[in-house]
Amino acid sequence: MVQATRLLLVEDDDFDAEVVHRALKRSHEMQYDVYAARSLADAFKQLCEASYDVVLLDLGLPDGLGLNGLKKMVRMLEAPVIVLTGNDNQRLIDEAMLLGAHDFVPKSENLSVVLEKTIRFAIQRYQALVALTNTEGLLTAHHEFSRSSLLVFKRSLMLRTSWQHLP
């Protein structure tokens, strides 16, 4: 049995939330357990209580800190954040991506067509990034260990050489 993807939908508009729910129900490749938050405060509360595979975040929330809310969410999460908004301002999209959003889906898009692929690719990119970060950490640790071992070896060799020259 395929494990459902835990998705937190942060959306204050009932109509938009229903459109997203319907698009996710039409998914052919993935199953979703959708959890809803109507504000950033509610979203942060839920994020502290449970883990999610992906977050769909509307930037136009009532307590909306806009990009500041996105920035805070990206820092505290160990999951990709996909921005879902009716604002198609390219500058806003670019800023959201620079702040750590994994993708951007305009609400005007046909969500049933793009949302499933966007979620799947965001999760895959995030998992690849985590694996790369872990590998980088291992390589750094290995490099530091190798440098330390080489220094110990050099010191040992110097001590032996010095000891052999003693009267």
Foldseek 3Di string as FASTA:
>chain_A
DDDAFEEEEAAQDPVLVVLLVVLQVLDDPHHHDYHYHPALVRVVVVVVVDAGQEYEAEQPGPVHPRLVSLLVDQVVHLHAYEYEYQDPPVVSQVSSVVSGHLYYDYSPDNCSPPVVVSSVVSSVVSVVVVVVVVVVVVVVVVVVVVVVVVVVVVVVVVVVVVVVPDD
